[in-house]
C-alpha atoms as a PDB file:
ATOM      1  CA  UNK A   1      20.639  -0.775  21.821  1.00  0.00           C
ATOM      2  CA  UNK A   2      20.086  -2.803  18.681  1.00  0.00           C
ATOM      3  CA  UNK A   3      22.539  -5.587  17.932  1.00  0.00           C
ATOM      4  CA  UNK A   4      24.645  -4.738  14.884  1.00  0.00           C
ATOM      5  CA  UNK A   5      23.407  -6.487  11.761  1.00  0.00           C
ATOM      6  CA  UNK A   6      25.695  -6.087   8.765  1.00  0.00           C
ATOM      7  CA  UNK A   7      23.829  -6.353   5.467  1.00  0.00           C
ATOM      8  CA  UNK A   8      27.125  -6.963   3.696  1.00  0.00           C
ATOM      9  CA  UNK A   9      27.431 -10.165   5.728  1.00  0.00           C
ATOM     10  CA  UNK A  10      24.478 -11.707   3.866  1.00  0.00           C
ATOM     11  CA  UNK A  11      26.914 -13.306   1.414  1.00  0.00           C
ATOM     12  CA  UNK A  12      25.196 -15.204  -1.384  1.00  0.00           C
ATOM     13  CA  UNK A  13      25.735 -17.645  -4.197  1.00  0.00           C
ATOM     14  CA  UNK A  14      25.590 -16.902  -7.879  1.00  0.00           C
ATOM     15  CA  UNK A  15      22.571 -18.133  -9.835  1.00  0.00           C
ATOM     16  CA  UNK A  16      21.768 -18.939 -13.450  1.00  0.00           C
ATOM     17  CA  UNK A  17      20.400 -16.412 -15.913  1.00  0.00           C
ATOM     18  CA  UNK A  18      16.880 -15.072 -15.350  1.00  0.00           C
ATOM     19  CA  UNK A  19      14.130 -17.377 -16.620  1.00  0.00           C
ATOM     20  CA  UNK A  20      10.564 -17.603 -15.304  1.00  0.00           C
ATOM     21  CA  UNK A  21       9.733 -18.670 -11.751  1.00  0.00           C
ATOM     22  CA  UNK A  22      12.999 -19.450 -10.018  1.00  0.00           C
ATOM     23  CA  UNK A  23      11.949 -19.729  -6.342  1.00  0.00           C
ATOM     24  CA  UNK A  24       8.703 -20.851  -4.717  1.00  0.00           C
ATOM     25  CA  UNK A  25       8.463 -21.711  -1.022  1.00  0.00           C
ATOM     26  CA  UNK A  26       4.973 -22.406   0.286  1.00  0.00           C
ATOM     27  CA  UNK A  27       6.220 -24.348   3.347  1.00  0.00           C
ATOM     28  CA  UNK A  28       4.243 -27.426   2.367  1.00  0.00           C
ATOM     29  CA  UNK A  29       7.112 -29.801   3.140  1.00  0.00           C
ATOM     30  CA  UNK A  30       9.952 -27.754   4.676  1.00  0.00           C
ATOM     31  CA  UNK A  31      11.411 -24.266   5.165  1.00  0.00           C
ATOM     32  CA  UNK A  32      14.265 -24.714   2.678  1.00  0.00           C
ATOM     33  CA  UNK A  33      15.780 -21.499   1.401  1.00  0.00           C
ATOM     34  CA  UNK A  34      15.211 -19.582   4.639  1.00  0.00           C
ATOM     35  CA  UNK A  35      17.865 -18.887   7.267  1.00  0.00           C
ATOM     36  CA  UNK A  36      17.157 -18.406  10.976  1.00  0.00           C
ATOM     37  CA  UNK A  37      18.789 -19.182  14.333  1.00  0.00           C
ATOM     38  CA  UNK A  38      18.769 -22.895  13.488  1.00  0.00           C
ATOM     39  CA  UNK A  39      21.145 -22.520  10.531  1.00  0.00           C
ATOM     40  CA  UNK A  40      23.448 -19.594  11.117  1.00  0.00           C
ATOM     41  CA  UNK A  41      21.235 -16.490  11.195  1.00  0.00           C
ATOM     42  CA  UNK A  42      18.667 -15.012  13.620  1.00  0.00           C
ATOM     43  CA  UNK A  43      14.989 -15.385  14.449  1.00  0.00           C
ATOM     44  CA  UNK A  44      12.762 -18.358  13.876  1.00  0.00           C
ATOM     45  CA  UNK A  45      11.075 -19.780  10.767  1.00  0.00           C
ATOM     46  CA  UNK A  46       8.705 -22.489  11.975  1.00  0.00           C
ATOM     47  CA  UNK A  47       6.415 -24.468   9.684  1.00  0.00           C
ATOM     48  CA  UNK A  48       2.866 -24.882  11.026  1.00  0.00           C
ATOM     49  CA  UNK A  49      -0.337 -26.511   9.817  1.00  0.00           C
ATOM     50  CA  UNK A  50      -3.187 -24.497   8.382  1.00  0.00           C
ATOM     51  CA  UNK A  51      -5.539 -23.498  11.196  1.00  0.00           C
ATOM     52  CA  UNK A  52      -2.797 -22.973  13.775  1.00  0.00           C
ATOM     53  CA  UNK A  53      -3.847 -20.126  16.081  1.00  0.00           C
ATOM     54  CA  UNK A  54      -7.053 -19.885  14.061  1.00  0.00           C
ATOM     55  CA  UNK A  55      -5.307 -18.825  10.845  1.00  0.00           C
ATOM     56  CA  UNK A  56      -5.799 -20.821   7.653  1.00  0.00           C
ATOM     57  CA  UNK A  57      -2.815 -20.913   5.298  1.00  0.00           C
ATOM     58  CA  UNK A  58      -2.872 -18.525   2.350  1.00  0.00           C
ATOM     59  CA  UNK A  59      -2.648 -21.627   0.149  1.00  0.00           C
ATOM     60  CA  UNK A  60      -2.084 -25.324   0.728  1.00  0.00           C
ATOM     61  CA  UNK A  61      -1.998 -27.001   4.110  1.00  0.00           C
ATOM     62  CA  UNK A  62       0.969 -25.275   5.762  1.00  0.00           C
ATOM     63  CA  UNK A  63       2.565 -21.888   6.236  1.00  0.00           C
ATOM     64  CA  UNK A  64       5.319 -20.550   8.511  1.00  0.00           C
ATOM     65  CA  UNK A  65       5.456 -18.473  11.672  1.00  0.00           C
ATOM     66  CA  UNK A  66       8.352 -15.990  11.728  1.00  0.00           C
ATOM     67  CA  UNK A  67       9.787 -14.606  14.976  1.00  0.00           C
ATOM     68  CA  UNK A  68      12.847 -12.500  15.665  1.00  0.00           C
ATOM     69  CA  UNK A  69      15.924 -12.726  17.863  1.00  0.00           C
ATOM     70  CA  UNK A  70      18.743 -10.205  18.315  1.00  0.00           C
ATOM     71  CA  UNK A  71      16.303  -7.661  16.882  1.00  0.00           C
ATOM     72  CA  UNK A  72      16.001  -9.165  13.426  1.00  0.00           C
ATOM     73  CA  UNK A  73      14.234 -11.979  11.597  1.00  0.00           C
ATOM     74  CA  UNK A  74      14.888 -14.612   8.968  1.00  0.00           C
ATOM     75  CA  UNK A  75      16.228 -14.018   5.479  1.00  0.00           C
ATOM     76  CA  UNK A  76      16.384 -15.841   2.165  1.00  0.00           C
ATOM     77  CA  UNK A  77      18.753 -15.719  -0.790  1.00  0.00           C
ATOM     78  CA  UNK A  78      15.896 -17.052  -2.948  1.00  0.00           C
ATOM     79  CA  UNK A  79      17.659 -19.331  -5.480  1.00  0.00           C
ATOM     80  CA  UNK A  80      20.874 -17.273  -5.330  1.00  0.00           C
ATOM     81  CA  UNK A  81      22.154 -13.745  -5.832  1.00  0.00           C
ATOM     82  CA  UNK A  82      22.522 -12.289  -9.321  1.00  0.00           C
ATOM     83  CA  UNK A  83      25.156  -9.866 -10.579  1.00  0.00           C
ATOM     84  CA  UNK A  84      23.518  -9.117 -13.909  1.00  0.00           C
ATOM     85  CA  UNK A  85      20.387  -7.264 -14.855  1.00  0.00           C
ATOM     86  CA  UNK A  86      18.554  -9.337 -17.482  1.00  0.00           C
ATOM     87  CA  UNK A  87      15.111  -7.783 -17.456  1.00  0.00           C
ATOM     88  CA  UNK A  88      12.292  -7.065 -14.985  1.00  0.00           C
ATOM     89  CA  UNK A  89      11.579  -9.418 -12.119  1.00  0.00           C
ATOM     90  CA  UNK A  90       9.171  -9.691  -9.184  1.00  0.00           C
ATOM     91  CA  UNK A  91       9.497 -11.005  -5.647  1.00  0.00           C
ATOM     92  CA  UNK A  92       6.380 -11.622  -3.585  1.00  0.00           C
ATOM     93  CA  UNK A  93       5.293 -12.981  -0.212  1.00  0.00           C
ATOM     94  CA  UNK A  94       1.932 -13.463   1.504  1.00  0.00           C
ATOM     95  CA  UNK A  95       1.799 -12.114   5.065  1.00  0.00           C
ATOM     96  CA  UNK A  96      -1.130 -12.248   7.486  1.00  0.00           C
ATOM     97  CA  UNK A  97      -1.949  -8.779   8.823  1.00  0.00           C
ATOM     98  CA  UNK A  98      -3.889  -8.619  12.083  1.00  0.00           C
ATOM     99  CA  UNK A  99      -5.758  -5.463  13.033  1.00  0.00           C
ATOM    100  CA  UNK A 100      -5.691  -6.575  16.698  1.00  0.00           C
ATOM    101  CA  UNK A 101      -1.924  -6.094  17.033  1.00  0.00           C
ATOM    102  CA  UNK A 102      -0.979  -3.832  19.902  1.00  0.00           C
ATOM    103  CA  UNK A 103      -0.125  -0.161  19.412  1.00  0.00           C
ATOM    104  CA  UNK A 104       3.519   0.243  18.436  1.00  0.00           C
ATOM    105  CA  UNK A 105       3.912  -3.282  17.088  1.00  0.00           C
ATOM    106  CA  UNK A 106       5.048  -3.899  13.534  1.00  0.00           C
ATOM    107  CA  UNK A 107       7.613  -5.349  11.147  1.00  0.00           C
ATOM    108  CA  UNK A 108       9.806  -4.478   8.176  1.00  0.00           C
ATOM    109  CA  UNK A 109      10.354  -6.645   5.095  1.00  0.00           C
ATOM    110  CA  UNK A 110      13.019  -5.877   2.499  1.00  0.00           C
ATOM    111  CA  UNK A 111      14.024  -7.222  -0.885  1.00  0.00           C
ATOM    112  CA  UNK A 112      17.420  -5.888  -1.939  1.00  0.00           C
ATOM    113  CA  UNK A 113      19.162  -5.331  -5.255  1.00  0.00           C
ATOM    114  CA  UNK A 114      22.736  -6.298  -5.989  1.00  0.00           C
ATOM    115  CA  UNK A 115      25.066  -3.989  -7.827  1.00  0.00           C
ATOM    116  CA  UNK A 116      26.719  -5.054 -11.071  1.00  0.00           C
ATOM    117  CA  UNK A 117      29.699  -6.435  -9.116  1.00  0.00           C
ATOM    118  CA  UNK A 118      27.513  -8.751  -7.055  1.00  0.00           C
ATOM    119  CA  UNK A 119      27.619  -6.669  -3.862  1.00  0.00           C
ATOM    120  CA  UNK A 120      24.758  -5.032  -1.974  1.00  0.00           C
ATOM    121  CA  UNK A 121      23.338  -1.948  -3.722  1.00  0.00           C
ATOM    122  CA  UNK A 122      20.092  -0.915  -2.083  1.00  0.00           C
ATOM    123  CA  UNK A 123      17.163  -2.149   0.017  1.00  0.00           C
ATOM    124  CA  UNK A 124      13.482  -1.682  -0.810  1.00  0.00           C
ATOM    125  CA  UNK A 125      11.479  -1.989   2.384  1.00  0.00           C
ATOM    126  CA  UNK A 126       7.847  -2.429   3.327  1.00  0.00           C
ATOM    127  CA  UNK A 127       7.040  -1.007   6.767  1.00  0.00           C
ATOM    128  CA  UNK A 128       4.007  -2.285   8.677  1.00  0.00           C
ATOM    129  CA  UNK A 129       3.039  -0.763  12.025  1.00  0.00           C
ATOM    130  CA  UNK A 130       0.087  -0.386  14.341  1.00  0.00           C
ATOM    131  CA  UNK A 131       0.341   3.374  14.635  1.00  0.00           C
ATOM    132  CA  UNK A 132       0.137   4.597  18.222  1.00  0.00           C
ATOM    133  CA  UNK A 133      -1.192   8.051  17.333  1.00  0.00           C
ATOM    134  CA  UNK A 134      -3.971   7.054  14.921  1.00  0.00           C
ATOM    135  CA  UNK A 135      -4.748   3.560  16.220  1.00  0.00           C
ATOM    136  CA  UNK A 136      -4.605   2.310  12.611  1.00  0.00           C
ATOM    137  CA  UNK A 137      -2.626  -0.531  11.037  1.00  0.00           C
ATOM    138  CA  UNK A 138      -0.522   1.185   8.361  1.00  0.00           C
ATOM    139  CA  UNK A 139       1.729   0.056   5.502  1.00  0.00           C
ATOM    140  CA  UNK A 140       4.378   2.263   3.865  1.00  0.00           C
ATOM    141  CA  UNK A 141       7.661   1.899   2.021  1.00  0.00           C
ATOM    142  CA  UNK A 142      11.193   3.324   1.868  1.00  0.00           C
ATOM    143  CA  UNK A 143      14.858   2.381   1.374  1.00  0.00           C
ATOM    144  CA  UNK A 144      15.885   2.541   5.025  1.00  0.00           C
ATOM    145  CA  UNK A 145      15.105   1.060   8.423  1.00  0.00           C
ATOM    146  CA  UNK A 146      16.111   1.707  12.025  1.00  0.00           C
ATOM    147  CA  UNK A 147      15.044  -1.859  12.928  1.00  0.00           C
ATOM    148  CA  UNK A 148      12.028  -0.593  14.883  1.00  0.00           C
ATOM    149  CA  UNK A 149       8.357  -0.270  13.842  1.00  0.00           C
ATOM    150  CA  UNK A 150       7.884   3.151  12.228  1.00  0.00           C
ATOM    151  CA  UNK A 151       5.531   5.495  14.058  1.00  0.00           C
ATOM    152  CA  UNK A 152       5.445   8.087  11.263  1.00  0.00           C
ATOM    153  CA  UNK A 153       3.788   6.119   8.479  1.00  0.00           C
ATOM    154  CA  UNK A 154       0.706   8.329   8.741  1.00  0.00           C
ATOM    155  CA  UNK A 155       2.841  11.255   7.490  1.00  0.00           C
ATOM    156  CA  UNK A 156       4.027   9.577   4.271  1.00  0.00           C
ATOM    157  CA  UNK A 157       2.423   7.616   1.423  1.00  0.00           C
ATOM    158  CA  UNK A 158       0.629   4.740   3.144  1.00  0.00           C
ATOM    159  CA  UNK A 159      -2.277   2.301   3.170  1.00  0.00           C
ATOM    160  CA  UNK A 160      -4.683   1.754   6.049  1.00  0.00           C
ATOM    161  CA  UNK A 161      -5.486  -1.919   6.738  1.00  0.00           C
ATOM    162  CA  UNK A 162      -9.009  -2.299   8.084  1.00  0.00           C
ATOM    163  CA  UNK A 163      -9.488  -6.072   7.759  1.00  0.00           C
ATOM    164  CA  UNK A 164      -7.359  -8.888   9.134  1.00  0.00           C
ATOM    165  CA  UNK A 165      -6.238 -11.408   6.532  1.00  0.00           C
ATOM    166  CA  UNK A 166      -3.605 -12.420   4.013  1.00  0.00           C
ATOM    167  CA  UNK A 167      -2.007  -9.684   1.923  1.00  0.00           C
ATOM    168  CA  UNK A 168       0.538 -10.060  -0.875  1.00  0.00           C
ATOM    169  CA  UNK A 169       3.640  -7.881  -0.655  1.00  0.00           C
ATOM    170  CA  UNK A 170       5.251  -7.580  -4.082  1.00  0.00           C
ATOM    171  CA  UNK A 171       8.537  -5.987  -5.136  1.00  0.00           C
ATOM    172  CA  UNK A 172       8.514  -5.300  -8.879  1.00  0.00           C
ATOM    173  CA  UNK A 173      11.940  -4.384 -10.314  1.00  0.00           C
ATOM    174  CA  UNK A 174      11.922  -2.645 -13.704  1.00  0.00           C
ATOM    175  CA  UNK A 175      13.656  -0.095 -15.924  1.00  0.00           C
ATOM    176  CA  UNK A 176      12.476   3.419 -15.120  1.00  0.00           C
ATOM    177  CA  UNK A 177      12.516   4.755 -18.664  1.00  0.00           C
ATOM    178  CA  UNK A 178      15.866   6.517 -18.270  1.00  0.00           C
ATOM    179  CA  UNK A 179      18.059   3.421 -18.003  1.00  0.00           C
ATOM    180  CA  UNK A 180      17.941   3.271 -14.204  1.00  0.00           C
ATOM    181  CA  UNK A 181      16.439   0.775 -11.771  1.00  0.00           C
ATOM    182  CA  UNK A 182      12.992   1.460 -10.337  1.00  0.00           C
ATOM    183  CA  UNK A 183      11.119  -0.685  -7.839  1.00  0.00           C
ATOM    184  CA  UNK A 184       7.379  -0.658  -7.217  1.00  0.00           C
ATOM    185  CA  UNK A 185       6.385  -1.835  -3.748  1.00  0.00           C
ATOM    186  CA  UNK A 186       2.869  -3.157  -4.380  1.00  0.00           C
ATOM    187  CA  UNK A 187       0.407  -4.387  -1.765  1.00  0.00           C
ATOM    188  CA  UNK A 188      -2.565  -6.552  -2.778  1.00  0.00           C
ATOM    189  CA  UNK A 189      -5.509  -7.675  -0.690  1.00  0.00           C
ATOM    190  CA  UNK A 190      -6.875 -11.231  -0.662  1.00  0.00           C
ATOM    191  CA  UNK A 191      -8.976 -10.443  -3.720  1.00  0.00           C
ATOM    192  CA  UNK A 192      -5.934  -9.423  -5.736  1.00  0.00           C
ATOM    193  CA  UNK A 193      -6.783  -5.717  -5.625  1.00  0.00           C
ATOM    194  CA  UNK A 194      -3.851  -3.290  -5.568  1.00  0.00           C
ATOM    195  CA  UNK A 195      -4.354  -1.195  -2.440  1.00  0.00           C
ATOM    196  CA  UNK A 196      -0.951   0.468  -2.076  1.00  0.00           C
ATOM    197  CA  UNK A 197       2.016   1.367  -4.274  1.00  0.00           C
ATOM    198  CA  UNK A 198       5.290   3.112  -3.495  1.00  0.00           C
ATOM    199  CA  UNK A 199       7.775   3.537  -6.358  1.00  0.00           C
ATOM    200  CA  UNK A 200      11.437   4.025  -5.477  1.00  0.00           C
ATOM    201  CA  UNK A 201      14.104   5.180  -7.917  1.00  0.00           C
ATOM    202  CA  UNK A 202      17.633   6.559  -7.842  1.00  0.00           C
ATOM    203  CA  UNK A 203      18.678   7.904 -11.250  1.00  0.00           C
ATOM    204  CA  UNK A 204      22.256   6.842 -10.541  1.00  0.00           C
ATOM    205  CA  UNK A 205      21.329   3.152 -10.327  1.00  0.00           C
ATOM    206  CA  UNK A 206      21.975   2.531 -14.024  1.00  0.00           C
ATOM    207  CA  UNK A 207      21.100  -0.961 -15.178  1.00  0.00           C
ATOM    208  CA  UNK A 208      24.043  -3.048 -16.288  1.00  0.00           C
ATOM    209  CA  UNK A 209      26.773  -0.702 -15.075  1.00  0.00           C
ATOM    210  CA  UNK A 210      25.568   0.021 -11.514  1.00  0.00           C
ATOM    211  CA  UNK A 211      22.468  -2.052 -10.685  1.00  0.00           C
ATOM    212  CA  UNK A 212      22.485  -5.811 -11.047  1.00  0.00           C
ATOM    213  CA  UNK A 213      19.930  -8.481 -10.170  1.00  0.00           C
ATOM    214  CA  UNK A 214      18.234  -9.677  -7.002  1.00  0.00           C
ATOM    215  CA  UNK A 215      19.787 -10.075  -3.600  1.00  0.00           C
ATOM    216  CA  UNK A 216      17.924 -11.210  -0.442  1.00  0.00           C
ATOM    217  CA  UNK A 217      14.484 -11.143   1.092  1.00  0.00           C
ATOM    218  CA  UNK A 218      14.811 -10.176   4.768  1.00  0.00           C
ATOM    219  CA  UNK A 219      12.509  -9.518   7.698  1.00  0.00           C
ATOM    220  CA  UNK A 220      14.674  -6.748   9.114  1.00  0.00           C
ATOM    221  CA  UNK A 221      12.499  -6.467  12.186  1.00  0.00           C
ATOM    222  CA  UNK A 222       9.510  -8.324  13.686  1.00  0.00           C
ATOM    223  CA  UNK A 223       8.326  -6.490  16.790  1.00  0.00           C
ATOM    224  CA  UNK A 224       5.041  -8.371  17.186  1.00  0.00           C
ATOM    225  CA  UNK A 225       4.222 -10.614  20.135  1.00  0.00           C
ATOM    226  CA  UNK A 226       4.066 -14.166  18.792  1.00  0.00           C
ATOM    227  CA  UNK A 227       5.569 -13.180  15.436  1.00  0.00           C
ATOM    228  CA  UNK A 228       3.900 -13.117  12.020  1.00  0.00           C
ATOM    229  CA  UNK A 229       2.455 -15.691   9.638  1.00  0.00           C
ATOM    230  CA  UNK A 230       4.071 -16.004   6.195  1.00  0.00           C
ATOM    231  CA  UNK A 231       3.251 -18.054   3.091  1.00  0.00           C
ATOM    232  CA  UNK A 232       3.954 -18.313  -0.659  1.00  0.00           C
ATOM    233  CA  UNK A 233       7.392 -16.730  -1.004  1.00  0.00           C
ATOM    234  CA  UNK A 234       8.230 -16.415  -4.709  1.00  0.00           C
ATOM    235  CA  UNK A 235      10.751 -14.921  -7.097  1.00  0.00           C
ATOM    236  CA  UNK A 236       9.640 -14.613 -10.708  1.00  0.00           C
ATOM    237  CA  UNK A 237      11.915 -13.426 -13.466  1.00  0.00           C
ATOM    238  CA  UNK A 238       9.749 -13.197 -16.573  1.00  0.00           C
ATOM    239  CA  UNK A 239      10.869 -10.795 -19.338  1.00  0.00           C
ATOM    240  CA  UNK A 240       8.014  -8.509 -20.407  1.00  0.00           C
ATOM    241  CA  UNK A 241       7.234  -7.365 -23.950  1.00  0.00           C
ATOM    242  CA  UNK A 242       8.388  -3.848 -24.951  1.00  0.00           C
ATOM    243  CA  UNK A 243       4.874  -2.390 -24.669  1.00  0.00           C
ATOM    244  CA  UNK A 244       4.579  -3.553 -21.050  1.00  0.00           C
ATOM    245  CA  UNK A 245       8.007  -2.168 -20.224  1.00  0.00           C
ATOM    246  CA  UNK A 246       7.020   1.205 -21.666  1.00  0.00           C
ATOM    247  CA  UNK A 247       3.953   1.221 -19.445  1.00  0.00           C
ATOM    248  CA  UNK A 248       6.053   0.545 -16.356  1.00  0.00           C
ATOM    249  CA  UNK A 249       8.432   3.322 -17.322  1.00  0.00           C
ATOM    250  CA  UNK A 250       5.573   5.837 -17.287  1.00  0.00           C
ATOM    251  CA  UNK A 251       5.126   5.254 -13.550  1.00  0.00           C
ATOM    252  CA  UNK A 252       8.201   7.351 -12.834  1.00  0.00           C
ATOM    253  CA  UNK A 253       6.824   9.898 -10.343  1.00  0.00           C
ATOM    254  CA  UNK A 254       9.565   8.806  -8.055  1.00  0.00           C
ATOM    255  CA  UNK A 255      10.176   9.675  -4.434  1.00  0.00           C
ATOM    256  CA  UNK A 256      13.649  10.376  -3.051  1.00  0.00           C
ATOM    257  CA  UNK A 257      15.677   7.581  -1.558  1.00  0.00           C
ATOM    258  CA  UNK A 258      17.966   7.001   1.353  1.00  0.00           C
ATOM    259  CA  UNK A 259      20.599   4.331   1.572  1.00  0.00           C
ATOM    260  CA  UNK A 260      19.786   1.626   4.094  1.00  0.00           C
ATOM    261  CA  UNK A 261      21.727   2.254   7.239  1.00  0.00           C
ATOM    262  CA  UNK A 262      24.589  -0.258   7.507  1.00  0.00           C
ATOM    263  CA  UNK A 263      24.694  -1.522  11.063  1.00  0.00           C
END
């Protein structure tokens, strides 16, 4: 039985208005901004030198190894939670994917949106799993998790990872073209090539009145022996010109959504 983890308990601090890069943690000097079992949460966030376990950092001389406890991993509030929607923003993290992981192993990583009152609205989750039926390392996305590696990613929109290495997981929050919040879950390889995209939208998440700004980044689950390697966690809030916004709005071939299960 999974230990209850209440998303509503991830209480945050307010932050200033959106403006450019507001959070950047590359673990070069510390793990500030991340919570684990050492400071009131769960899991482990341990800074290690480049080359540890044969893995060079995505950038710089250090990265972090993330492990879980009580069936969940570390989380960050970035530079603080935001009530207000003030334009598009992007959260990103580099994660080392290893094609030698055992069948059934995997992890989930979520970036959540606040509502306009500053409370939790919705999660947007990357799922990564070494699929037991296909033997492939798969990446998918949704709005829900059962805090276990998903074994059905081969049946939904997904990417197949054939090479071990660093991959960038990006959450891009934007206006869908109808006044509602849309989020593109984008996966990039080490060369910066987009290799997967899942766009999530709920037409009821109206910007300003329902949907607000960013909430947390959270490794909901890390079921991988030895944990995972993480680097370059960023939150960028850079307003885009109208032409770029219009282009994002045209991506609206949206899949249905499910509310993240509150545990």
